[in-house]
Amino acid sequence: MALPWECSFPKDKIFAEFLTLLPKNPSKKVFVHCRLGDDRTAMMIASYRMSQEGWSAEKAKKEMEKFGFSFAHRDLICPGLSSYEEKFPQHFHTDPAFRDLR
């Protein structure tokens, strides 16, 4: 299942769709990737870590950085993604897109 989105413009609806997909397929392996594998992929995994495993935004950010999300991504390529990652826990707890996941 493809979930296309622009890294500079993350949308709660796409993340809610991704987070809904995982529990619906508990016995399946889910392959998460994007063109480069270090910005949109990292953010999808970070959203899972924060919403399902209780990770803080800071801990998720450190894991993103460990796997290649760098200064270039944060400040040049996908500045909207970095701020979305920081605010994701708030989005998850307040945005209607995540209602069924809370």
PDB file of N, CA and C in Angstrom:
ATOM      1  N   MET A   1       0.852  -1.172   0.000  1.00  0.00           N
ATOM      2  CA  MET A   1       0.000   0.000   0.000  1.00  0.00           C
ATOM      3  C   MET A   1       0.897   1.234   0.000  1.00  0.00           C
ATOM      4  N   ALA A   2       0.716   2.091  -0.940  1.00  0.00           N
ATOM      5  CA  ALA A   2       1.514   3.314  -1.032  1.00  0.00           C
ATOM      6  C   ALA A   2       0.832   4.440  -0.264  1.00  0.00           C
ATOM      7  N   LEU A   3       1.640   5.187   0.478  1.00  0.00           N
ATOM      8  CA  LEU A   3       1.154   6.367   1.204  1.00  0.00           C
ATOM      9  C   LEU A   3       2.032   7.545   0.804  1.00  0.00           C
ATOM     10  N   PRO A   4       1.844   8.065  -0.397  1.00  0.00           N
ATOM     11  CA  PRO A   4       2.710   9.156  -0.857  1.00  0.00           C
ATOM     12  C   PRO A   4       2.443  10.470  -0.118  1.00  0.00           C
ATOM     13  N   TRP A   5       3.544  11.168   0.190  1.00  0.00           N
ATOM     14  CA  TRP A   5       3.441  12.492   0.813  1.00  0.00           C
ATOM     15  C   TRP A   5       4.756  13.223   0.645  1.00  0.00           C
ATOM     16  N   GLU A   6       4.677  14.522   0.670  1.00  0.00           N
ATOM     17  CA  GLU A   6       5.834  15.411   0.516  1.00  0.00           C
ATOM     18  C   GLU A   6       6.460  15.654   1.886  1.00  0.00           C
ATOM     19  N   CYS A   7       7.772  15.471   2.008  1.00  0.00           N
ATOM     20  CA  CYS A   7       8.403  15.577   3.327  1.00  0.00           C
ATOM     21  C   CYS A   7       8.291  16.968   3.945  1.00  0.00           C
ATOM     22  N   SER A   8       8.159  17.981   3.128  1.00  0.00           N
ATOM     23  CA  SER A   8       8.025  19.329   3.685  1.00  0.00           C
ATOM     24  C   SER A   8       6.616  19.620   4.184  1.00  0.00           C
ATOM     25  N   PHE A   9       5.675  18.747   3.832  1.00  0.00           N
ATOM     26  CA  PHE A   9       4.278  18.977   4.194  1.00  0.00           C
ATOM     27  C   PHE A   9       3.631  17.723   4.797  1.00  0.00           C
ATOM     28  N   PRO A  10       4.103  17.288   5.965  1.00  0.00           N
ATOM     29  CA  PRO A  10       3.500  16.103   6.584  1.00  0.00           C
ATOM     30  C   PRO A  10       2.059  16.389   7.010  1.00  0.00           C
ATOM     31  N   LYS A  11       1.202  15.410   6.815  1.00  0.00           N
ATOM     32  CA  LYS A  11      -0.216  15.559   7.144  1.00  0.00           C
ATOM     33  C   LYS A  11      -0.632  14.480   8.143  1.00  0.00           C
ATOM     34  N   ASP A  12      -1.368  14.882   9.160  1.00  0.00           N
ATOM     35  CA  ASP A  12      -1.836  13.954  10.176  1.00  0.00           C
ATOM     36  C   ASP A  12      -2.610  12.789   9.568  1.00  0.00           C
ATOM     37  N   LYS A  13      -3.393  13.057   8.541  1.00  0.00           N
ATOM     38  CA  LYS A  13      -4.207  12.018   7.919  1.00  0.00           C
ATOM     39  C   LYS A  13      -3.339  10.863   7.400  1.00  0.00           C
ATOM     40  N   ILE A  14      -2.204  11.162   6.777  1.00  0.00           N
ATOM     41  CA  ILE A  14      -1.304  10.133   6.251  1.00  0.00           C
ATOM     42  C   ILE A  14      -0.708   9.322   7.396  1.00  0.00           C
ATOM     43  N   PHE A  15      -0.306  10.000   8.460  1.00  0.00           N
ATOM     44  CA  PHE A  15       0.280   9.293   9.599  1.00  0.00           C
ATOM     45  C   PHE A  15      -0.759   8.426  10.300  1.00  0.00           C
ATOM     46  N   ALA A  16      -1.980   8.903  10.390  1.00  0.00           N
ATOM     47  CA  ALA A  16      -3.051   8.104  10.990  1.00  0.00           C
ATOM     48  C   ALA A  16      -3.313   6.861  10.140  1.00  0.00           C
ATOM     49  N   GLU A  17      -3.271   7.026   8.833  1.00  0.00           N
ATOM     50  CA  GLU A  17      -3.473   5.891   7.938  1.00  0.00           C
ATOM     51  C   GLU A  17      -2.355   4.855   8.130  1.00  0.00           C
ATOM     52  N   PHE A  18      -1.125   5.322   8.229  1.00  0.00           N
ATOM     53  CA  PHE A  18       0.015   4.432   8.465  1.00  0.00           C
ATOM     54  C   PHE A  18      -0.133   3.706   9.802  1.00  0.00           C
ATOM     55  N   LEU A  19      -0.449   4.440  10.848  1.00  0.00           N
ATOM     56  CA  LEU A  19      -0.568   3.839  12.177  1.00  0.00           C
ATOM     57  C   LEU A  19      -1.763   2.894  12.293  1.00  0.00           C
ATOM     58  N   THR A  20      -2.754   3.060  11.444  1.00  0.00           N
ATOM     59  CA  THR A  20      -3.908   2.163  11.400  1.00  0.00           C
ATOM     60  C   THR A  20      -3.550   0.887  10.642  1.00  0.00           C
ATOM     61  N   LEU A  21      -2.713   1.017   9.647  1.00  0.00           N
ATOM     62  CA  LEU A  21      -2.304  -0.116   8.813  1.00  0.00           C
ATOM     63  C   LEU A  21      -1.576  -1.188   9.623  1.00  0.00           C
ATOM     64  N   LEU A  22      -0.728  -0.788  10.532  1.00  0.00           N
ATOM     65  CA  LEU A  22       0.090  -1.750  11.274  1.00  0.00           C
ATOM     66  C   LEU A  22      -0.718  -2.728  12.120  1.00  0.00           C
ATOM     67  N   PRO A  23      -1.624  -2.268  12.995  1.00  0.00           N
ATOM     68  CA  PRO A  23      -2.379  -3.242  13.793  1.00  0.00           C
ATOM     69  C   PRO A  23      -3.354  -4.089  12.967  1.00  0.00           C
ATOM     70  N   LYS A  24      -3.712  -3.623  11.779  1.00  0.00           N
ATOM     71  CA  LYS A  24      -4.604  -4.401  10.922  1.00  0.00           C
ATOM     72  C   LYS A  24      -3.871  -5.563  10.256  1.00  0.00           C
ATOM     73  N   ASN A  25      -2.543  -5.550  10.327  1.00  0.00           N
ATOM     74  CA  ASN A  25      -1.723  -6.581   9.697  1.00  0.00           C
ATOM     75  C   ASN A  25      -0.691  -7.125  10.671  1.00  0.00           C
ATOM     76  N   PRO A  26      -1.128  -7.645  11.823  1.00  0.00           N
ATOM     77  CA  PRO A  26      -0.177  -8.021  12.871  1.00  0.00           C
ATOM     78  C   PRO A  26       0.768  -9.155  12.496  1.00  0.00           C
ATOM     79  N   SER A  27       0.363 -10.024  11.601  1.00  0.00           N
ATOM     80  CA  SER A  27       1.219 -11.157  11.257  1.00  0.00           C
ATOM     81  C   SER A  27       2.049 -10.913   9.998  1.00  0.00           C
ATOM     82  N   LYS A  28       1.985  -9.699   9.470  1.00  0.00           N
ATOM     83  CA  LYS A  28       2.699  -9.396   8.240  1.00  0.00           C
ATOM     84  C   LYS A  28       3.876  -8.465   8.512  1.00  0.00           C
ATOM     85  N   LYS A  29       4.875  -8.585   7.679  1.00  0.00           N
ATOM     86  CA  LYS A  29       5.994  -7.652   7.728  1.00  0.00           C
ATOM     87  C   LYS A  29       5.602  -6.435   6.903  1.00  0.00           C
ATOM     88  N   VAL A  30       5.887  -5.265   7.428  1.00  0.00           N
ATOM     89  CA  VAL A  30       5.561  -4.031   6.736  1.00  0.00           C
ATOM     90  C   VAL A  30       6.872  -3.372   6.326  1.00  0.00           C
ATOM     91  N   PHE A  31       7.022  -3.129   5.054  1.00  0.00           N
ATOM     92  CA  PHE A  31       8.222  -2.497   4.512  1.00  0.00           C
ATOM     93  C   PHE A  31       7.956  -1.006   4.393  1.00  0.00           C
ATOM     94  N   VAL A  32       8.721  -0.218   5.113  1.00  0.00           N
ATOM     95  CA  VAL A  32       8.549   1.230   5.108  1.00  0.00           C
ATOM     96  C   VAL A  32       9.755   1.835   4.401  1.00  0.00           C
ATOM     97  N   HIS A  33       9.502   2.597   3.364  1.00  0.00           N
ATOM     98  CA  HIS A  33      10.620   3.207   2.640  1.00  0.00           C
ATOM     99  C   HIS A  33      10.178   4.480   1.939  1.00  0.00           C
ATOM    100  N   CYS A  34      11.151   5.280   1.592  1.00  0.00           N
ATOM    101  CA  CYS A  34      10.948   6.428   0.712  1.00  0.00           C
ATOM    102  C   CYS A  34      12.135   6.445  -0.251  1.00  0.00           C
ATOM    103  N   ARG A  35      12.193   7.428  -1.081  1.00  0.00           N
ATOM    104  CA  ARG A  35      13.241   7.464  -2.103  1.00  0.00           C
ATOM    105  C   ARG A  35      14.635   7.350  -1.508  1.00  0.00           C
ATOM    106  N   LEU A  36      14.915   8.097  -0.457  1.00  0.00           N
ATOM    107  CA  LEU A  36      16.234   8.068   0.153  1.00  0.00           C
ATOM    108  C   LEU A  36      16.293   7.196   1.408  1.00  0.00           C
ATOM    109  N   GLY A  37      15.171   7.040   2.073  1.00  0.00           N
ATOM    110  CA  GLY A  37      15.123   6.178   3.248  1.00  0.00           C
ATOM    111  C   GLY A  37      15.545   6.810   4.545  1.00  0.00           C
ATOM    112  N   ASP A  38      15.701   8.133   4.566  1.00  0.00           N
ATOM    113  CA  ASP A  38      16.159   8.743   5.819  1.00  0.00           C
ATOM    114  C   ASP A  38      15.361   9.968   6.246  1.00  0.00           C
ATOM    115  N   ASP A  39      14.320  10.320   5.552  1.00  0.00           N
ATOM    116  CA  ASP A  39      13.494  11.433   6.020  1.00  0.00           C
ATOM    117  C   ASP A  39      12.052  10.973   6.237  1.00  0.00           C
ATOM    118  N   ARG A  40      11.327  10.661   5.176  1.00  0.00           N
ATOM    119  CA  ARG A  40       9.937  10.212   5.358  1.00  0.00           C
ATOM    120  C   ARG A  40       9.868   8.869   6.061  1.00  0.00           C
ATOM    121  N   THR A  41      10.785   7.970   5.728  1.00  0.00           N
ATOM    122  CA  THR A  41      10.827   6.677   6.419  1.00  0.00           C
ATOM    123  C   THR A  41      11.062   6.889   7.906  1.00  0.00           C
ATOM    124  N   ALA A  42      12.039   7.715   8.221  1.00  0.00           N
ATOM    125  CA  ALA A  42      12.364   7.984   9.626  1.00  0.00           C
ATOM    126  C   ALA A  42      11.171   8.573  10.368  1.00  0.00           C
ATOM    127  N   MET A  43      10.453   9.481   9.727  1.00  0.00           N
ATOM    128  CA  MET A  43       9.320  10.115  10.398  1.00  0.00           C
ATOM    129  C   MET A  43       8.184   9.130  10.614  1.00  0.00           C
ATOM    130  N   MET A  44       7.952   8.234   9.679  1.00  0.00           N
ATOM    131  CA  MET A  44       6.908   7.225   9.869  1.00  0.00           C
ATOM    132  C   MET A  44       7.244   6.331  11.064  1.00  0.00           C
ATOM    133  N   ILE A  45       8.477   5.897  11.137  1.00  0.00           N
ATOM    134  CA  ILE A  45       8.893   5.043  12.257  1.00  0.00           C
ATOM    135  C   ILE A  45       8.842   5.837  13.567  1.00  0.00           C
ATOM    136  N   ALA A  46       9.261   7.096  13.518  1.00  0.00           N
ATOM    137  CA  ALA A  46       9.201   7.946  14.717  1.00  0.00           C
ATOM    138  C   ALA A  46       7.754   8.097  15.192  1.00  0.00           C
ATOM    139  N   SER A  47       6.822   8.245  14.261  1.00  0.00           N
ATOM    140  CA  SER A  47       5.412   8.377  14.666  1.00  0.00           C
ATOM    141  C   SER A  47       4.938   7.104  15.366  1.00  0.00           C
ATOM    142  N   TYR A  48       5.372   5.957  14.886  1.00  0.00           N
ATOM    143  CA  TYR A  48       5.030   4.694  15.539  1.00  0.00           C
ATOM    144  C   TYR A  48       5.649   4.630  16.938  1.00  0.00           C
ATOM    145  N   ARG A  49       6.925   4.981  17.028  1.00  0.00           N
ATOM    146  CA  ARG A  49       7.615   4.935  18.324  1.00  0.00           C
ATOM    147  C   ARG A  49       6.903   5.821  19.350  1.00  0.00           C
ATOM    148  N   MET A  50       6.527   7.031  18.930  1.00  0.00           N
ATOM    149  CA  MET A  50       5.905   7.969  19.866  1.00  0.00           C
ATOM    150  C   MET A  50       4.477   7.566  20.226  1.00  0.00           C
ATOM    151  N   SER A  51       3.697   7.142  19.230  1.00  0.00           N
ATOM    152  CA  SER A  51       2.287   6.858  19.494  1.00  0.00           C
ATOM    153  C   SER A  51       2.042   5.484  20.099  1.00  0.00           C
ATOM    154  N   GLN A  52       2.822   4.490  19.703  1.00  0.00           N
ATOM    155  CA  GLN A  52       2.570   3.131  20.147  1.00  0.00           C
ATOM    156  C   GLN A  52       3.526   2.641  21.233  1.00  0.00           C
ATOM    157  N   GLU A  53       4.732   3.201  21.269  1.00  0.00           N
ATOM    158  CA  GLU A  53       5.718   2.742  22.240  1.00  0.00           C
ATOM    159  C   GLU A  53       6.023   3.773  23.317  1.00  0.00           C
ATOM    160  N   GLY A  54       5.346   4.927  23.244  1.00  0.00           N
ATOM    161  CA  GLY A  54       5.482   5.945  24.279  1.00  0.00           C
ATOM    162  C   GLY A  54       6.791   6.715  24.277  1.00  0.00           C
ATOM    163  N   TRP A  55       7.500   6.690  23.167  1.00  0.00           N
ATOM    164  CA  TRP A  55       8.760   7.425  23.097  1.00  0.00           C
ATOM    165  C   TRP A  55       8.504   8.925  23.119  1.00  0.00           C
ATOM    166  N   SER A  56       9.443   9.664  23.658  1.00  0.00           N
ATOM    167  CA  SER A  56       9.383  11.132  23.595  1.00  0.00           C
ATOM    168  C   SER A  56       9.827  11.563  22.197  1.00  0.00           C
ATOM    169  N   ALA A  57       9.482  12.798  21.847  1.00  0.00           N
ATOM    170  CA  ALA A  57       9.918  13.344  20.564  1.00  0.00           C
ATOM    171  C   ALA A  57      11.441  13.394  20.505  1.00  0.00           C
ATOM    172  N   GLU A  58      12.083  13.709  21.598  1.00  0.00           N
ATOM    173  CA  GLU A  58      13.548  13.793  21.631  1.00  0.00           C
ATOM    174  C   GLU A  58      14.186  12.433  21.371  1.00  0.00           C
ATOM    175  N   LYS A  59      13.659  11.388  21.993  1.00  0.00           N
ATOM    176  CA  LYS A  59      14.202  10.043  21.785  1.00  0.00           C
ATOM    177  C   LYS A  59      13.994   9.606  20.335  1.00  0.00           C
ATOM    178  N   ALA A  60      12.818   9.882  19.778  1.00  0.00           N
ATOM    179  CA  ALA A  60      12.542   9.527  18.380  1.00  0.00           C
ATOM    180  C   ALA A  60      13.471  10.302  17.443  1.00  0.00           C
ATOM    181  N   LYS A  61      13.710  11.562  17.745  1.00  0.00           N
ATOM    182  CA  LYS A  61      14.607  12.379  16.922  1.00  0.00           C
ATOM    183  C   LYS A  61      16.028  11.808  16.929  1.00  0.00           C
ATOM    184  N   LYS A  62      16.481  11.364  18.078  1.00  0.00           N
ATOM    185  CA  LYS A  62      17.826  10.779  18.164  1.00  0.00           C
ATOM    186  C   LYS A  62      17.928   9.519  17.311  1.00  0.00           C
ATOM    187  N   GLU A  63      16.862   8.713  17.304  1.00  0.00           N
ATOM    188  CA  GLU A  63      16.894   7.525  16.455  1.00  0.00           C
ATOM    189  C   GLU A  63      16.886   7.926  14.982  1.00  0.00           C
ATOM    190  N   MET A  64      16.094   8.943  14.624  1.00  0.00           N
ATOM    191  CA  MET A  64      16.084   9.430  13.249  1.00  0.00           C
ATOM    192  C   MET A  64      17.497   9.848  12.836  1.00  0.00           C
ATOM    193  N   GLU A  65      18.156  10.581  13.697  1.00  0.00           N
ATOM    194  CA  GLU A  65      19.504  11.057  13.393  1.00  0.00           C
ATOM    195  C   GLU A  65      20.495   9.902  13.295  1.00  0.00           C
ATOM    196  N   LYS A  66      20.329   8.905  14.124  1.00  0.00           N
ATOM    197  CA  LYS A  66      21.210   7.732  14.100  1.00  0.00           C
ATOM    198  C   LYS A  66      21.172   7.047  12.731  1.00  0.00           C
ATOM    199  N   PHE A  67      20.015   7.087  12.091  1.00  0.00           N
ATOM    200  CA  PHE A  67      19.854   6.421  10.806  1.00  0.00           C
ATOM    201  C   PHE A  67      19.875   7.374   9.616  1.00  0.00           C
ATOM    202  N   GLY A  68      20.414   8.590   9.792  1.00  0.00           N
ATOM    203  CA  GLY A  68      20.676   9.445   8.647  1.00  0.00           C
ATOM    204  C   GLY A  68      19.923  10.754   8.532  1.00  0.00           C
ATOM    205  N   PHE A  69      18.977  11.012   9.421  1.00  0.00           N
ATOM    206  CA  PHE A  69      18.264  12.290   9.357  1.00  0.00           C
ATOM    207  C   PHE A  69      19.189  13.354   9.925  1.00  0.00           C
ATOM    208  N   SER A  70      19.752  14.186   9.062  1.00  0.00           N
ATOM    209  CA  SER A  70      20.836  15.087   9.426  1.00  0.00           C
ATOM    210  C   SER A  70      20.426  16.554   9.367  1.00  0.00           C
ATOM    211  N   PHE A  71      21.418  17.410   9.609  1.00  0.00           N
ATOM    212  CA  PHE A  71      21.229  18.852   9.493  1.00  0.00           C
ATOM    213  C   PHE A  71      20.631  19.217   8.138  1.00  0.00           C
ATOM    214  N   ALA A  72      21.130  18.596   7.079  1.00  0.00           N
ATOM    215  CA  ALA A  72      20.633  18.903   5.735  1.00  0.00           C
ATOM    216  C   ALA A  72      19.136  18.644   5.635  1.00  0.00           C
ATOM    217  N   HIS A  73      18.682  17.539   6.199  1.00  0.00           N
ATOM    218  CA  HIS A  73      17.251  17.241   6.159  1.00  0.00           C
ATOM    219  C   HIS A  73      16.473  18.189   7.057  1.00  0.00           C
ATOM    220  N   ARG A  74      16.971  18.364   8.270  1.00  0.00           N
ATOM    221  CA  ARG A  74      16.284  19.199   9.260  1.00  0.00           C
ATOM    222  C   ARG A  74      16.112  20.631   8.795  1.00  0.00           C
ATOM    223  N   ASP A  75      17.159  21.208   8.260  1.00  0.00           N
ATOM    224  CA  ASP A  75      17.139  22.641   7.985  1.00  0.00           C
ATOM    225  C   ASP A  75      17.062  23.029   6.510  1.00  0.00           C
ATOM    226  N   LEU A  76      17.385  22.117   5.607  1.00  0.00           N
ATOM    227  CA  LEU A  76      17.419  22.478   4.190  1.00  0.00           C
ATOM    228  C   LEU A  76      16.381  21.733   3.349  1.00  0.00           C
ATOM    229  N   ILE A  77      16.356  20.426   3.459  1.00  0.00           N
ATOM    230  CA  ILE A  77      15.502  19.619   2.588  1.00  0.00           C
ATOM    231  C   ILE A  77      14.064  19.542   3.094  1.00  0.00           C
ATOM    232  N   CYS A  78      13.894  19.241   4.366  1.00  0.00           N
ATOM    233  CA  CYS A  78      12.559  19.009   4.937  1.00  0.00           C
ATOM    234  C   CYS A  78      12.353  19.758   6.244  1.00  0.00           C
ATOM    235  N   PRO A  79      12.452  21.065   6.253  1.00  0.00           N
ATOM    236  CA  PRO A  79      12.301  21.776   7.528  1.00  0.00           C
ATOM    237  C   PRO A  79      10.937  21.555   8.177  1.00  0.00           C
ATOM    238  N   GLY A  80       9.907  21.351   7.397  1.00  0.00           N
ATOM    239  CA  GLY A  80       8.586  21.086   7.962  1.00  0.00           C
ATOM    240  C   GLY A  80       8.513  19.759   8.685  1.00  0.00           C
ATOM    241  N   LEU A  81       9.330  18.817   8.261  1.00  0.00           N
ATOM    242  CA  LEU A  81       9.324  17.496   8.880  1.00  0.00           C
ATOM    243  C   LEU A  81       9.904  17.528  10.284  1.00  0.00           C
ATOM    244  N   SER A  82      10.953  18.280  10.460  1.00  0.00           N
ATOM    245  CA  SER A  82      11.579  18.373  11.778  1.00  0.00           C
ATOM    246  C   SER A  82      10.619  18.984  12.799  1.00  0.00           C
ATOM    247  N   SER A  83       9.949  20.047  12.430  1.00  0.00           N
ATOM    248  CA  SER A  83       9.008  20.659  13.375  1.00  0.00           C
ATOM    249  C   SER A  83       7.797  19.746  13.600  1.00  0.00           C
ATOM    250  N   TYR A  84       7.397  18.992  12.574  1.00  0.00           N
ATOM    251  CA  TYR A  84       6.290  18.052  12.747  1.00  0.00           C
ATOM    252  C   TYR A  84       6.681  16.966  13.744  1.00  0.00           C
ATOM    253  N   GLU A  85       7.902  16.484  13.644  1.00  0.00           N
ATOM    254  CA  GLU A  85       8.371  15.451  14.571  1.00  0.00           C
ATOM    255  C   GLU A  85       8.322  15.957  16.000  1.00  0.00           C
ATOM    256  N   GLU A  86       8.754  17.168  16.229  1.00  0.00           N
ATOM    257  CA  GLU A  86       8.756  17.745  17.575  1.00  0.00           C
ATOM    258  C   GLU A  86       7.347  17.889  18.141  1.00  0.00           C
ATOM    259  N   LYS A  87       6.395  18.184  17.269  1.00  0.00           N
ATOM    260  CA  LYS A  87       5.014  18.426  17.710  1.00  0.00           C
ATOM    261  C   LYS A  87       4.109  17.212  17.556  1.00  0.00           C
ATOM    262  N   PHE A  88       4.664  16.106  17.051  1.00  0.00           N
ATOM    263  CA  PHE A  88       3.818  14.938  16.795  1.00  0.00           C
ATOM    264  C   PHE A  88       3.044  14.452  18.020  1.00  0.00           C
ATOM    265  N   PRO A  89       3.672  14.346  19.200  1.00  0.00           N
ATOM    266  CA  PRO A  89       2.888  13.881  20.354  1.00  0.00           C
ATOM    267  C   PRO A  89       1.635  14.735  20.606  1.00  0.00           C
ATOM    268  N   GLN A  90       1.763  16.030  20.433  1.00  0.00           N
ATOM    269  CA  GLN A  90       0.605  16.914  20.614  1.00  0.00           C
ATOM    270  C   GLN A  90      -0.439  16.644  19.526  1.00  0.00           C
ATOM    271  N   HIS A  91       0.014  16.510  18.288  1.00  0.00           N
ATOM    272  CA  HIS A  91      -0.913  16.191  17.198  1.00  0.00           C
ATOM    273  C   HIS A  91      -1.648  14.885  17.503  1.00  0.00           C
ATOM    274  N   PHE A  92      -0.882  13.876  17.931  1.00  0.00           N
ATOM    275  CA  PHE A  92      -1.467  12.563  18.180  1.00  0.00           C
ATOM    276  C   PHE A  92      -2.563  12.630  19.243  1.00  0.00           C
ATOM    277  N   HIS A  93      -2.364  13.435  20.262  1.00  0.00           N
ATOM    278  CA  HIS A  93      -3.340  13.512  21.360  1.00  0.00           C
ATOM    279  C   HIS A  93      -4.501  14.462  21.098  1.00  0.00           C
ATOM    280  N   THR A  94      -4.393  15.320  20.078  1.00  0.00           N
ATOM    281  CA  THR A  94      -5.448  16.311  19.868  1.00  0.00           C
ATOM    282  C   THR A  94      -6.112  16.275  18.494  1.00  0.00           C
ATOM    283  N   ASP A  95      -5.409  15.841  17.453  1.00  0.00           N
ATOM    284  CA  ASP A  95      -5.968  15.920  16.121  1.00  0.00           C
ATOM    285  C   ASP A  95      -7.021  14.819  15.899  1.00  0.00           C
ATOM    286  N   PRO A  96      -8.169  15.175  15.324  1.00  0.00           N
ATOM    287  CA  PRO A  96      -9.226  14.192  15.070  1.00  0.00           C
ATOM    288  C   PRO A  96      -8.792  13.023  14.188  1.00  0.00           C
ATOM    289  N   ALA A  97      -7.773  13.207  13.355  1.00  0.00           N
ATOM    290  CA  ALA A  97      -7.299  12.132  12.484  1.00  0.00           C
ATOM    291  C   ALA A  97      -6.835  10.923  13.289  1.00  0.00           C
ATOM    292  N   PHE A  98      -6.373  11.159  14.517  1.00  0.00           N
ATOM    293  CA  PHE A  98      -5.848  10.072  15.360  1.00  0.00           C
ATOM    294  C   PHE A  98      -6.855   9.553  16.389  1.00  0.00           C
ATOM    295  N   ARG A  99      -8.071  10.031  16.340  1.00  0.00           N
ATOM    296  CA  ARG A  99      -9.083   9.692  17.356  1.00  0.00           C
ATOM    297  C   ARG A  99      -9.176   8.186  17.617  1.00  0.00           C
ATOM    298  N   ASP A 100      -9.236   7.388  16.566  1.00  0.00           N
ATOM    299  CA  ASP A 100      -9.415   5.941  16.728  1.00  0.00           C
ATOM    300  C   ASP A 100      -8.133   5.232  17.162  1.00  0.00           C
ATOM    301  N   LEU A 101      -7.037   5.950  17.213  1.00  0.00           N
ATOM    302  CA  LEU A 101      -5.753   5.347  17.585  1.00  0.00           C
ATOM    303  C   LEU A 101      -5.347   5.635  19.026  1.00  0.00           C
ATOM    304  N   ARG A 102      -6.057   6.541  19.658  1.00  0.00           N
ATOM    305  CA  ARG A 102      -5.702   6.903  21.038  1.00  0.00           C
ATOM    306  C   ARG A 102      -6.272   5.903  22.024  1.00  0.00           C
TER     307      ARG A 102
END
